[in-house]
Amino acid sequence: MIAIQDKLISEEVLKSYFACELNACKGACCWEGDFGAPLQHDELSMLDKITGSVIQYLPEESVKVLRKESGYEWNEDTGTYVTRLRKNASCIYMITGEDGIAQCGIERAWKNGESEFRKPISCHLYPIRVKEKPELGFTALNYDRWSICSAACQSGKKIRMPLFKFVKDALVRRFGEEFYLELEAVARDLYPAINP
């Protein structure tokens, strides 16, 4: 682990290659897994606020749920709120494009200028997972390796895209430009062959 500011970063975040290959995985991270996307506390009110803007893009099953309850629920396993799942285990906010690739209904509303909230930061950062440890005074950033992303690993290696650079916008959104620049400098120093 590498310490930058009050964050501990797994070396895998700096030395692994990654670039989403949606034609291969079809956005499987939106429907695979045992629970929805982890949410930060401040994202709960944002999700409540944007439901009216997002609902028009969602399938009927999601609309029915969102008309009765919120788009999130408490998850004992993660100790966080997560997005709700539909009966088929896909995220309640998932939509499918004409190309058969999963997309985010929240992000669709954002792209169309109907919402200021892009999407949950855990989705934007994926495959980096953030674990807050306020009682210990630090935040951990880890690479969540998952077999459904094997094509993304190959693609990243082919184009020489380090994982942390692939999620640059999300890292800046979550931790700020100064943190990202420090992270980039450390990556260059420790792994110059990967981060020229």
N, C-alpha and C. Protein backbone atom coordinates (compact mmCIF):
# COMPACT_ATOMS: atom_id res chain seq x y z
N MET A 1 0.85 -1.19 0.00
CA MET A 1 0.00 0.00 0.00
C MET A 1 0.89 1.25 0.00
N ILE A 2 0.39 2.25 -0.68
CA ILE A 2 1.11 3.52 -0.79
C ILE A 2 0.25 4.60 -0.15
N ALA A 3 0.86 5.44 0.69
CA ALA A 3 0.13 6.51 1.36
C ALA A 3 0.27 7.81 0.59
N ILE A 4 -0.86 8.42 0.28
CA ILE A 4 -0.91 9.75 -0.32
C ILE A 4 -2.01 10.50 0.42
N GLN A 5 -1.63 11.64 1.02
CA GLN A 5 -2.55 12.38 1.88
C GLN A 5 -3.05 11.41 2.95
N ASP A 6 -4.37 11.30 3.13
CA ASP A 6 -4.90 10.37 4.14
C ASP A 6 -5.47 9.12 3.48
N LYS A 7 -4.91 8.77 2.32
CA LYS A 7 -5.40 7.62 1.58
C LYS A 7 -4.32 6.56 1.45
N LEU A 8 -4.73 5.30 1.54
CA LEU A 8 -3.83 4.18 1.28
C LEU A 8 -4.26 3.55 -0.03
N ILE A 9 -3.34 3.49 -0.98
CA ILE A 9 -3.65 3.02 -2.32
C ILE A 9 -2.92 1.71 -2.58
N SER A 10 -3.66 0.72 -3.02
CA SER A 10 -3.06 -0.55 -3.40
C SER A 10 -2.14 -0.32 -4.60
N GLU A 11 -0.98 -0.96 -4.59
CA GLU A 11 -0.06 -0.83 -5.72
C GLU A 11 -0.69 -1.32 -7.01
N GLU A 12 -1.65 -2.24 -6.91
CA GLU A 12 -2.35 -2.75 -8.10
C GLU A 12 -3.04 -1.63 -8.87
N VAL A 13 -3.50 -0.62 -8.15
CA VAL A 13 -4.16 0.53 -8.79
C VAL A 13 -3.19 1.26 -9.71
N LEU A 14 -1.91 1.27 -9.35
CA LEU A 14 -0.90 2.00 -10.11
C LEU A 14 -0.23 1.16 -11.19
N LYS A 15 -0.11 -0.14 -10.96
CA LYS A 15 0.69 -0.94 -11.89
C LYS A 15 -0.13 -1.88 -12.78
N SER A 16 -1.45 -1.83 -12.67
CA SER A 16 -2.30 -2.68 -13.51
C SER A 16 -2.83 -1.89 -14.69
N TYR A 17 -3.04 -2.60 -15.78
CA TYR A 17 -3.63 -1.98 -16.98
C TYR A 17 -5.12 -2.28 -17.00
N PHE A 18 -5.91 -1.31 -17.53
CA PHE A 18 -7.36 -1.51 -17.58
C PHE A 18 -7.98 -0.50 -18.54
N ALA A 19 -8.90 -0.96 -19.37
CA ALA A 19 -9.71 -0.09 -20.23
C ALA A 19 -10.98 -0.86 -20.58
N CYS A 20 -12.11 -0.40 -20.09
CA CYS A 20 -13.38 -1.11 -20.32
C CYS A 20 -13.53 -1.50 -21.78
N GLU A 21 -13.99 -2.71 -21.97
CA GLU A 21 -14.22 -3.26 -23.32
C GLU A 21 -15.70 -3.68 -23.36
N LEU A 22 -16.57 -2.67 -23.49
CA LEU A 22 -18.01 -2.90 -23.38
C LEU A 22 -18.57 -3.84 -24.43
N ASN A 23 -17.94 -3.91 -25.59
CA ASN A 23 -18.42 -4.84 -26.61
C ASN A 23 -18.23 -6.29 -26.16
N ALA A 24 -17.27 -6.53 -25.28
CA ALA A 24 -17.01 -7.88 -24.78
C ALA A 24 -17.89 -8.22 -23.57
N CYS A 25 -17.94 -7.33 -22.61
CA CYS A 25 -18.65 -7.64 -21.36
C CYS A 25 -20.11 -7.19 -21.35
N LYS A 26 -20.46 -6.28 -22.24
CA LYS A 26 -21.83 -5.74 -22.34
C LYS A 26 -22.26 -4.99 -21.08
N GLY A 27 -21.28 -4.50 -20.30
CA GLY A 27 -21.61 -3.77 -19.08
C GLY A 27 -22.07 -4.67 -17.95
N ALA A 28 -21.49 -5.86 -17.88
CA ALA A 28 -21.93 -6.87 -16.91
C ALA A 28 -21.85 -6.41 -15.46
N CYS A 29 -21.01 -5.44 -15.15
CA CYS A 29 -20.92 -4.97 -13.76
C CYS A 29 -22.23 -4.33 -13.30
N CYS A 30 -23.13 -4.01 -14.24
CA CYS A 30 -24.43 -3.43 -13.88
C CYS A 30 -25.46 -4.49 -13.51
N TRP A 31 -25.18 -5.76 -13.82
CA TRP A 31 -26.16 -6.79 -13.47
C TRP A 31 -25.57 -8.00 -12.77
N GLU A 32 -24.27 -8.17 -12.78
CA GLU A 32 -23.64 -9.29 -12.06
C GLU A 32 -23.38 -8.88 -10.61
N GLY A 33 -23.29 -9.84 -9.74
CA GLY A 33 -22.94 -9.57 -8.35
C GLY A 33 -24.10 -9.82 -7.41
N ASP A 34 -23.81 -9.70 -6.13
CA ASP A 34 -24.79 -10.03 -5.09
C ASP A 34 -25.54 -8.83 -4.54
N PHE A 35 -25.08 -7.63 -4.84
CA PHE A 35 -25.74 -6.43 -4.33
C PHE A 35 -25.49 -5.28 -5.30
N GLY A 36 -26.26 -4.20 -5.11
CA GLY A 36 -26.15 -3.04 -5.98
C GLY A 36 -24.89 -2.23 -5.71
N ALA A 37 -24.81 -1.10 -6.39
CA ALA A 37 -23.64 -0.22 -6.27
C ALA A 37 -23.59 0.41 -4.89
N PRO A 38 -22.44 0.34 -4.21
CA PRO A 38 -22.30 1.01 -2.91
C PRO A 38 -22.50 2.52 -3.07
N LEU A 39 -23.17 3.14 -2.11
CA LEU A 39 -23.48 4.56 -2.17
C LEU A 39 -22.88 5.31 -0.99
N GLN A 40 -22.47 6.54 -1.24
CA GLN A 40 -22.05 7.42 -0.16
C GLN A 40 -23.32 8.03 0.44
N HIS A 41 -23.23 8.43 1.69
CA HIS A 41 -24.41 8.95 2.38
C HIS A 41 -25.03 10.14 1.64
N ASP A 42 -24.20 11.06 1.13
CA ASP A 42 -24.74 12.24 0.45
C ASP A 42 -25.39 11.91 -0.90
N GLU A 43 -25.13 10.71 -1.42
CA GLU A 43 -25.74 10.32 -2.70
C GLU A 43 -27.20 9.89 -2.52
N LEU A 44 -27.60 9.54 -1.32
CA LEU A 44 -28.97 9.09 -1.08
C LEU A 44 -29.96 10.20 -1.41
N SER A 45 -29.71 11.40 -0.89
CA SER A 45 -30.63 12.51 -1.16
C SER A 45 -30.57 12.92 -2.63
N MET A 46 -29.40 12.77 -3.26
CA MET A 46 -29.30 13.08 -4.69
C MET A 46 -30.16 12.13 -5.50
N LEU A 47 -30.12 10.84 -5.16
CA LEU A 47 -30.95 9.86 -5.87
C LEU A 47 -32.43 10.17 -5.68
N ASP A 48 -32.83 10.54 -4.47
CA ASP A 48 -34.22 10.90 -4.23
C ASP A 48 -34.61 12.11 -5.09
N LYS A 49 -33.72 13.07 -5.17
CA LYS A 49 -33.99 14.32 -5.89
C LYS A 49 -34.15 14.11 -7.40
N ILE A 50 -33.38 13.20 -7.97
CA ILE A 50 -33.37 13.06 -9.44
C ILE A 50 -34.31 11.98 -9.96
N THR A 51 -35.03 11.31 -9.09
CA THR A 51 -35.90 10.22 -9.54
C THR A 51 -36.82 10.67 -10.66
N GLY A 52 -37.42 11.84 -10.54
CA GLY A 52 -38.33 12.34 -11.57
C GLY A 52 -37.68 12.52 -12.92
N SER A 53 -36.40 12.88 -12.94
CA SER A 53 -35.67 13.07 -14.20
C SER A 53 -35.23 11.76 -14.82
N VAL A 54 -34.95 10.79 -13.98
CA VAL A 54 -34.38 9.52 -14.43
C VAL A 54 -35.45 8.51 -14.84
N ILE A 55 -36.59 8.57 -14.18
CA ILE A 55 -37.61 7.52 -14.32
C ILE A 55 -38.05 7.30 -15.77
N GLN A 56 -38.03 8.36 -16.58
CA GLN A 56 -38.47 8.25 -17.97
C GLN A 56 -37.60 7.31 -18.81
N TYR A 57 -36.37 7.07 -18.36
CA TYR A 57 -35.45 6.22 -19.12
C TYR A 57 -35.47 4.75 -18.68
N LEU A 58 -36.10 4.49 -17.56
CA LEU A 58 -36.00 3.17 -16.94
C LEU A 58 -37.09 2.21 -17.39
N PRO A 59 -36.82 0.90 -17.31
CA PRO A 59 -37.84 -0.10 -17.64
C PRO A 59 -38.97 -0.08 -16.61
N GLU A 60 -40.11 -0.59 -17.01
CA GLU A 60 -41.33 -0.54 -16.18
C GLU A 60 -41.12 -1.16 -14.80
N GLU A 61 -40.38 -2.25 -14.72
CA GLU A 61 -40.14 -2.89 -13.41
C GLU A 61 -39.48 -1.91 -12.45
N SER A 62 -38.50 -1.16 -12.93
CA SER A 62 -37.82 -0.17 -12.09
C SER A 62 -38.76 0.97 -11.71
N VAL A 63 -39.55 1.42 -12.67
CA VAL A 63 -40.48 2.53 -12.43
C VAL A 63 -41.46 2.15 -11.32
N LYS A 64 -42.00 0.95 -11.36
CA LYS A 64 -42.95 0.50 -10.33
C LYS A 64 -42.33 0.54 -8.94
N VAL A 65 -41.10 0.09 -8.83
CA VAL A 65 -40.40 0.10 -7.53
C VAL A 65 -40.17 1.54 -7.07
N LEU A 66 -39.67 2.38 -7.97
CA LEU A 66 -39.32 3.75 -7.60
C LEU A 66 -40.55 4.60 -7.28
N ARG A 67 -41.71 4.20 -7.74
CA ARG A 67 -42.93 4.94 -7.38
C ARG A 67 -43.38 4.60 -5.96
N LYS A 68 -42.89 3.48 -5.43
CA LYS A 68 -43.27 3.04 -4.08
C LYS A 68 -42.19 3.33 -3.04
N GLU A 69 -40.92 3.20 -3.45
CA GLU A 69 -39.82 3.33 -2.49
C GLU A 69 -38.59 3.92 -3.16
N SER A 70 -37.56 4.15 -2.37
CA SER A 70 -36.33 4.74 -2.89
C SER A 70 -35.58 3.74 -3.77
N GLY A 71 -34.59 4.24 -4.47
CA GLY A 71 -33.77 3.39 -5.34
C GLY A 71 -32.60 2.75 -4.62
N TYR A 72 -32.60 2.80 -3.30
CA TYR A 72 -31.48 2.24 -2.52
C TYR A 72 -32.00 1.52 -1.29
N GLU A 73 -31.13 0.69 -0.73
CA GLU A 73 -31.46 -0.06 0.48
C GLU A 73 -30.18 -0.31 1.28
N TRP A 74 -30.35 -0.59 2.56
CA TRP A 74 -29.20 -0.90 3.42
C TRP A 74 -28.74 -2.32 3.16
N ASN A 75 -27.42 -2.51 3.08
CA ASN A 75 -26.86 -3.84 2.87
C ASN A 75 -25.98 -4.19 4.06
N GLU A 76 -26.35 -5.22 4.79
CA GLU A 76 -25.60 -5.64 5.98
C GLU A 76 -24.19 -6.12 5.62
N ASP A 77 -24.05 -6.80 4.49
CA ASP A 77 -22.75 -7.35 4.10
C ASP A 77 -21.71 -6.26 3.86
N THR A 78 -22.13 -5.18 3.20
CA THR A 78 -21.19 -4.10 2.88
C THR A 78 -21.15 -3.03 3.97
N GLY A 79 -22.20 -2.98 4.78
CA GLY A 79 -22.27 -1.93 5.80
C GLY A 79 -22.52 -0.56 5.18
N THR A 80 -23.15 -0.56 4.00
CA THR A 80 -23.45 0.69 3.30
C THR A 80 -24.83 0.58 2.65
N TYR A 81 -25.32 1.72 2.21
CA TYR A 81 -26.48 1.69 1.33
C TYR A 81 -25.99 1.31 -0.05
N VAL A 82 -26.83 0.61 -0.79
CA VAL A 82 -26.52 0.19 -2.16
C VAL A 82 -27.75 0.44 -3.02
N THR A 83 -27.55 0.53 -4.33
CA THR A 83 -28.71 0.65 -5.21
C THR A 83 -29.51 -0.65 -5.15
N ARG A 84 -30.81 -0.52 -5.27
CA ARG A 84 -31.67 -1.70 -5.29
C ARG A 84 -31.43 -2.49 -6.57
N LEU A 85 -31.76 -3.77 -6.51
CA LEU A 85 -31.66 -4.63 -7.69
C LEU A 85 -33.06 -5.02 -8.15
N ARG A 86 -33.19 -5.25 -9.45
CA ARG A 86 -34.44 -5.79 -9.99
C ARG A 86 -34.45 -7.30 -9.74
N LYS A 87 -35.53 -7.95 -10.07
CA LYS A 87 -35.66 -9.39 -9.83
C LYS A 87 -34.60 -10.20 -10.55
N ASN A 88 -34.13 -9.70 -11.70
CA ASN A 88 -33.09 -10.42 -12.46
C ASN A 88 -31.68 -10.07 -11.98
N ALA A 89 -31.57 -9.35 -10.86
CA ALA A 89 -30.31 -8.97 -10.22
C ALA A 89 -29.61 -7.79 -10.88
N SER A 90 -30.22 -7.16 -11.88
CA SER A 90 -29.60 -5.98 -12.48
C SER A 90 -29.92 -4.76 -11.62
N CYS A 91 -29.08 -3.76 -11.70
CA CYS A 91 -29.28 -2.51 -10.96
C CYS A 91 -30.61 -1.89 -11.38
N ILE A 92 -31.31 -1.33 -10.44
CA ILE A 92 -32.61 -0.72 -10.72
C ILE A 92 -32.50 0.44 -11.72
N TYR A 93 -31.32 1.04 -11.83
CA TYR A 93 -31.11 2.17 -12.74
C TYR A 93 -30.54 1.74 -14.09
N MET A 94 -30.36 0.44 -14.30
CA MET A 94 -29.77 -0.03 -15.55
C MET A 94 -30.77 0.04 -16.70
N ILE A 95 -30.28 0.51 -17.83
CA ILE A 95 -31.03 0.47 -19.08
C ILE A 95 -30.15 -0.25 -20.10
N THR A 96 -30.74 -0.67 -21.19
CA THR A 96 -29.96 -1.37 -22.21
C THR A 96 -30.03 -0.59 -23.51
N GLY A 97 -28.86 -0.32 -24.08
CA GLY A 97 -28.80 0.41 -25.34
C GLY A 97 -29.21 -0.48 -26.51
N GLU A 98 -29.39 0.13 -27.66
CA GLU A 98 -29.76 -0.62 -28.87
C GLU A 98 -28.73 -1.68 -29.22
N ASP A 99 -27.49 -1.45 -28.78
CA ASP A 99 -26.41 -2.39 -29.06
C ASP A 99 -26.35 -3.53 -28.04
N GLY A 100 -27.30 -3.56 -27.11
CA GLY A 100 -27.34 -4.62 -26.11
C GLY A 100 -26.41 -4.39 -24.93
N ILE A 101 -25.77 -3.23 -24.87
CA ILE A 101 -24.83 -2.91 -23.79
C ILE A 101 -25.57 -2.18 -22.67
N ALA A 102 -25.33 -2.62 -21.44
CA ALA A 102 -25.94 -1.97 -20.28
C ALA A 102 -25.43 -0.54 -20.16
N GLN A 103 -26.34 0.34 -19.80
CA GLN A 103 -26.01 1.74 -19.57
C GLN A 103 -26.68 2.16 -18.26
N CYS A 104 -26.32 3.33 -17.80
CA CYS A 104 -26.89 3.85 -16.56
C CYS A 104 -27.96 4.89 -16.88
N GLY A 105 -29.18 4.66 -16.39
CA GLY A 105 -30.26 5.62 -16.60
C GLY A 105 -29.97 6.96 -15.94
N ILE A 106 -29.27 6.93 -14.82
CA ILE A 106 -28.88 8.17 -14.14
C ILE A 106 -27.95 8.97 -15.05
N GLU A 107 -26.96 8.28 -15.61
CA GLU A 107 -26.00 8.95 -16.48
C GLU A 107 -26.67 9.45 -17.77
N ARG A 108 -27.65 8.72 -18.27
CA ARG A 108 -28.38 9.17 -19.46
C ARG A 108 -29.05 10.52 -19.19
N ALA A 109 -29.71 10.65 -18.04
CA ALA A 109 -30.35 11.92 -17.67
C ALA A 109 -29.31 13.02 -17.54
N TRP A 110 -28.15 12.70 -16.96
CA TRP A 110 -27.06 13.67 -16.81
C TRP A 110 -26.55 14.13 -18.18
N LYS A 111 -26.32 13.18 -19.08
CA LYS A 111 -25.83 13.52 -20.43
C LYS A 111 -26.84 14.39 -21.18
N ASN A 112 -28.12 14.19 -20.90
CA ASN A 112 -29.16 14.97 -21.56
C ASN A 112 -29.46 16.29 -20.84
N GLY A 113 -28.64 16.63 -19.84
CA GLY A 113 -28.79 17.90 -19.13
C GLY A 113 -29.98 17.95 -18.19
N GLU A 114 -30.50 16.80 -17.79
CA GLU A 114 -31.69 16.76 -16.94
C GLU A 114 -31.35 16.50 -15.48
N SER A 115 -30.07 16.36 -15.18
CA SER A 115 -29.64 16.09 -13.81
C SER A 115 -28.21 16.58 -13.64
N GLU A 116 -27.89 17.04 -12.45
CA GLU A 116 -26.52 17.45 -12.14
C GLU A 116 -25.70 16.29 -11.58
N PHE A 117 -26.37 15.19 -11.28
CA PHE A 117 -25.71 14.03 -10.68
C PHE A 117 -25.38 13.04 -11.78
N ARG A 118 -24.10 12.78 -11.99
CA ARG A 118 -23.68 11.92 -13.10
C ARG A 118 -24.07 10.46 -12.89
N LYS A 119 -23.63 9.90 -11.79
CA LYS A 119 -23.96 8.52 -11.39
C LYS A 119 -23.24 8.28 -10.07
N PRO A 120 -23.57 7.20 -9.36
CA PRO A 120 -22.87 6.94 -8.10
C PRO A 120 -21.35 6.88 -8.32
N ILE A 121 -20.62 7.46 -7.40
CA ILE A 121 -19.16 7.52 -7.55
C ILE A 121 -18.55 6.13 -7.55
N SER A 122 -19.16 5.16 -6.88
CA SER A 122 -18.59 3.81 -6.89
C SER A 122 -18.65 3.21 -8.29
N CYS A 123 -19.67 3.56 -9.07
CA CYS A 123 -19.77 3.08 -10.46
C CYS A 123 -18.74 3.80 -11.32
N HIS A 124 -18.60 5.10 -11.11
CA HIS A 124 -17.67 5.91 -11.89
C HIS A 124 -16.22 5.47 -11.64
N LEU A 125 -15.93 5.08 -10.43
CA LEU A 125 -14.57 4.66 -10.06
C LEU A 125 -14.25 3.21 -10.43
N TYR A 126 -15.27 2.41 -10.68
CA TYR A 126 -15.03 0.97 -10.86
C TYR A 126 -14.04 0.69 -11.98
N PRO A 127 -13.05 -0.20 -11.76
CA PRO A 127 -12.94 -1.25 -10.74
C PRO A 127 -12.17 -0.88 -9.48
N ILE A 128 -12.00 0.40 -9.21
CA ILE A 128 -11.42 0.79 -7.92
C ILE A 128 -12.56 0.83 -6.90
N ARG A 129 -12.34 0.20 -5.77
CA ARG A 129 -13.30 0.24 -4.68
C ARG A 129 -12.69 1.05 -3.54
N VAL A 130 -13.49 1.92 -2.95
CA VAL A 130 -13.06 2.79 -1.86
C VAL A 130 -13.64 2.26 -0.56
N LYS A 131 -12.80 2.15 0.44
CA LYS A 131 -13.25 1.72 1.77
C LYS A 131 -12.87 2.81 2.75
N GLU A 132 -13.88 3.44 3.34
CA GLU A 132 -13.65 4.50 4.32
C GLU A 132 -13.36 3.88 5.68
N LYS A 133 -12.33 4.37 6.35
CA LYS A 133 -12.00 3.92 7.70
C LYS A 133 -11.82 5.15 8.59
N PRO A 134 -12.91 5.90 8.86
CA PRO A 134 -12.78 7.14 9.63
C PRO A 134 -12.24 6.93 11.04
N GLU A 135 -12.57 5.77 11.64
CA GLU A 135 -12.08 5.50 12.99
C GLU A 135 -10.57 5.33 13.03
N LEU A 136 -9.98 4.98 11.88
CA LEU A 136 -8.53 4.83 11.78
C LEU A 136 -7.88 6.02 11.06
N GLY A 137 -8.71 6.92 10.54
CA GLY A 137 -8.19 8.14 9.92
C GLY A 137 -7.68 7.98 8.51
N PHE A 138 -8.16 6.99 7.77
CA PHE A 138 -7.72 6.86 6.38
C PHE A 138 -8.81 6.27 5.50
N THR A 139 -8.58 6.39 4.21
CA THR A 139 -9.44 5.83 3.18
C THR A 139 -8.58 4.91 2.33
N ALA A 140 -9.08 3.71 2.04
CA ALA A 140 -8.32 2.75 1.24
C ALA A 140 -8.89 2.66 -0.17
N LEU A 141 -8.00 2.60 -1.17
CA LEU A 141 -8.39 2.41 -2.56
C LEU A 141 -7.79 1.10 -3.04
N ASN A 142 -8.65 0.18 -3.44
CA ASN A 142 -8.20 -1.14 -3.88
C ASN A 142 -8.74 -1.46 -5.27
N TYR A 143 -8.01 -2.31 -5.96
CA TYR A 143 -8.43 -2.79 -7.28
C TYR A 143 -9.29 -4.03 -7.06
N ASP A 144 -10.53 -3.98 -7.50
CA ASP A 144 -11.47 -5.09 -7.36
C ASP A 144 -11.41 -5.94 -8.63
N ARG A 145 -10.55 -6.94 -8.63
CA ARG A 145 -10.41 -7.80 -9.81
C ARG A 145 -11.64 -8.71 -9.91
N TRP A 146 -12.18 -8.79 -11.13
CA TRP A 146 -13.38 -9.58 -11.36
C TRP A 146 -13.27 -10.21 -12.73
N SER A 147 -13.60 -11.47 -12.85
CA SER A 147 -13.42 -12.19 -14.12
C SER A 147 -14.20 -11.57 -15.27
N ILE A 148 -15.31 -10.91 -14.97
CA ILE A 148 -16.09 -10.30 -16.06
C ILE A 148 -15.34 -9.16 -16.74
N CYS A 149 -14.27 -8.70 -16.10
CA CYS A 149 -13.47 -7.60 -16.66
C CYS A 149 -12.19 -8.08 -17.35
N SER A 150 -12.08 -9.36 -17.64
CA SER A 150 -10.84 -9.87 -18.24
C SER A 150 -10.53 -9.20 -19.58
N ALA A 151 -11.55 -8.92 -20.39
CA ALA A 151 -11.31 -8.24 -21.67
C ALA A 151 -10.80 -6.82 -21.44
N ALA A 152 -11.25 -6.17 -20.36
CA ALA A 152 -10.78 -4.82 -20.04
C ALA A 152 -9.30 -4.84 -19.65
N CYS A 153 -8.87 -5.88 -18.97
CA CYS A 153 -7.46 -6.02 -18.61
C CYS A 153 -6.61 -6.19 -19.86
N GLN A 154 -7.07 -7.02 -20.78
CA GLN A 154 -6.33 -7.24 -22.04
C GLN A 154 -6.30 -5.96 -22.88
N SER A 155 -7.44 -5.28 -22.95
CA SER A 155 -7.53 -4.04 -23.72
C SER A 155 -6.61 -2.98 -23.14
N GLY A 156 -6.62 -2.84 -21.80
CA GLY A 156 -5.76 -1.87 -21.14
C GLY A 156 -4.29 -2.14 -21.39
N LYS A 157 -3.92 -3.42 -21.37
CA LYS A 157 -2.52 -3.80 -21.63
C LYS A 157 -2.15 -3.48 -23.08
N LYS A 158 -3.06 -3.76 -23.98
CA LYS A 158 -2.80 -3.52 -25.41
C LYS A 158 -2.54 -2.04 -25.69
N ILE A 159 -3.34 -1.17 -25.07
CA ILE A 159 -3.17 0.28 -25.33
C ILE A 159 -2.32 0.96 -24.25
N ARG A 160 -1.81 0.15 -23.28
CA ARG A 160 -0.94 0.65 -22.21
C ARG A 160 -1.63 1.75 -21.38
N MET A 161 -2.85 1.42 -20.93
CA MET A 161 -3.64 2.35 -20.12
C MET A 161 -3.63 1.89 -18.67
N PRO A 162 -2.87 2.59 -17.80
CA PRO A 162 -2.88 2.24 -16.38
C PRO A 162 -4.29 2.43 -15.79
N LEU A 163 -4.66 1.56 -14.89
CA LEU A 163 -5.98 1.60 -14.26
C LEU A 163 -6.32 2.98 -13.71
N PHE A 164 -5.42 3.57 -12.93
CA PHE A 164 -5.75 4.85 -12.29
C PHE A 164 -5.97 5.95 -13.32
N LYS A 165 -5.29 5.86 -14.47
CA LYS A 165 -5.51 6.86 -15.53
C LYS A 165 -6.85 6.64 -16.22
N PHE A 166 -7.26 5.39 -16.33
CA PHE A 166 -8.55 5.08 -16.94
C PHE A 166 -9.69 5.71 -16.15
N VAL A 167 -9.57 5.76 -14.83
CA VAL A 167 -10.62 6.33 -13.99
C VAL A 167 -10.25 7.73 -13.48
N LYS A 168 -9.40 8.42 -14.21
CA LYS A 168 -8.94 9.75 -13.79
C LYS A 168 -10.09 10.69 -13.44
N ASP A 169 -11.08 10.82 -14.32
CA ASP A 169 -12.19 11.75 -14.05
C ASP A 169 -12.89 11.43 -12.74
N ALA A 170 -13.08 10.15 -12.48
CA ALA A 170 -13.75 9.73 -11.24
C ALA A 170 -12.88 10.03 -10.02
N LEU A 171 -11.57 9.78 -10.13
CA LEU A 171 -10.66 10.08 -9.02
C LEU A 171 -10.65 11.57 -8.71
N VAL A 172 -10.63 12.39 -9.75
CA VAL A 172 -10.66 13.85 -9.55
C VAL A 172 -12.00 14.26 -8.94
N ARG A 173 -13.07 13.69 -9.44
CA ARG A 173 -14.41 14.00 -8.91
C ARG A 173 -14.50 13.66 -7.42
N ARG A 174 -13.93 12.55 -7.02
CA ARG A 174 -14.05 12.08 -5.63
C ARG A 174 -13.02 12.71 -4.69
N PHE A 175 -11.76 12.83 -5.17
CA PHE A 175 -10.68 13.24 -4.26
C PHE A 175 -10.00 14.56 -4.64
N GLY A 176 -10.29 15.10 -5.81
CA GLY A 176 -9.71 16.38 -6.21
C GLY A 176 -8.49 16.24 -7.11
N GLU A 177 -8.21 17.31 -7.83
CA GLU A 177 -7.11 17.35 -8.79
C GLU A 177 -5.75 17.19 -8.11
N GLU A 178 -5.57 17.81 -6.95
CA GLU A 178 -4.29 17.74 -6.24
C GLU A 178 -3.93 16.29 -5.89
N PHE A 179 -4.92 15.55 -5.38
CA PHE A 179 -4.68 14.14 -5.07
C PHE A 179 -4.29 13.38 -6.32
N TYR A 180 -5.01 13.60 -7.41
CA TYR A 180 -4.72 12.86 -8.64
C TYR A 180 -3.30 13.15 -9.13
N LEU A 181 -2.89 14.40 -9.09
CA LEU A 181 -1.54 14.75 -9.56
C LEU A 181 -0.47 14.09 -8.69
N GLU A 182 -0.71 14.03 -7.38
CA GLU A 182 0.23 13.34 -6.49
C GLU A 182 0.28 11.85 -6.82
N LEU A 183 -0.88 11.26 -7.06
CA LEU A 183 -0.96 9.84 -7.41
C LEU A 183 -0.20 9.56 -8.70
N GLU A 184 -0.38 10.42 -9.68
CA GLU A 184 0.30 10.27 -10.96
C GLU A 184 1.82 10.37 -10.80
N ALA A 185 2.28 11.31 -9.98
CA ALA A 185 3.71 11.48 -9.75
C ALA A 185 4.31 10.25 -9.06
N VAL A 186 3.60 9.71 -8.07
CA VAL A 186 4.06 8.51 -7.38
C VAL A 186 4.12 7.33 -8.35
N ALA A 187 3.10 7.19 -9.18
CA ALA A 187 3.07 6.09 -10.16
C ALA A 187 4.24 6.19 -11.12
N ARG A 188 4.56 7.41 -11.55
CA ARG A 188 5.70 7.61 -12.47
C ARG A 188 7.01 7.23 -11.80
N ASP A 189 7.15 7.60 -10.52
CA ASP A 189 8.39 7.29 -9.79
C ASP A 189 8.54 5.79 -9.52
N LEU A 190 7.46 5.14 -9.09
CA LEU A 190 7.54 3.73 -8.71
C LEU A 190 7.48 2.77 -9.89
N TYR A 191 6.72 3.12 -10.91
CA TYR A 191 6.51 2.22 -12.05
C TYR A 191 6.71 2.96 -13.37
N PRO A 192 7.93 3.42 -13.65
CA PRO A 192 8.16 4.22 -14.86
C PRO A 192 7.88 3.47 -16.16
N ALA A 193 8.04 2.16 -16.17
CA ALA A 193 7.77 1.40 -17.40
C ALA A 193 6.28 1.40 -17.73
N ILE A 194 5.45 1.46 -16.71
CA ILE A 194 4.00 1.45 -16.91
C ILE A 194 3.47 2.87 -17.07
N ASN A 195 4.11 3.81 -16.39
CA ASN A 195 3.65 5.20 -16.36
C ASN A 195 4.75 6.15 -16.84
N PRO A 196 5.05 6.14 -18.14
CA PRO A 196 6.14 7.00 -18.64
C PRO A 196 5.84 8.48 -18.49
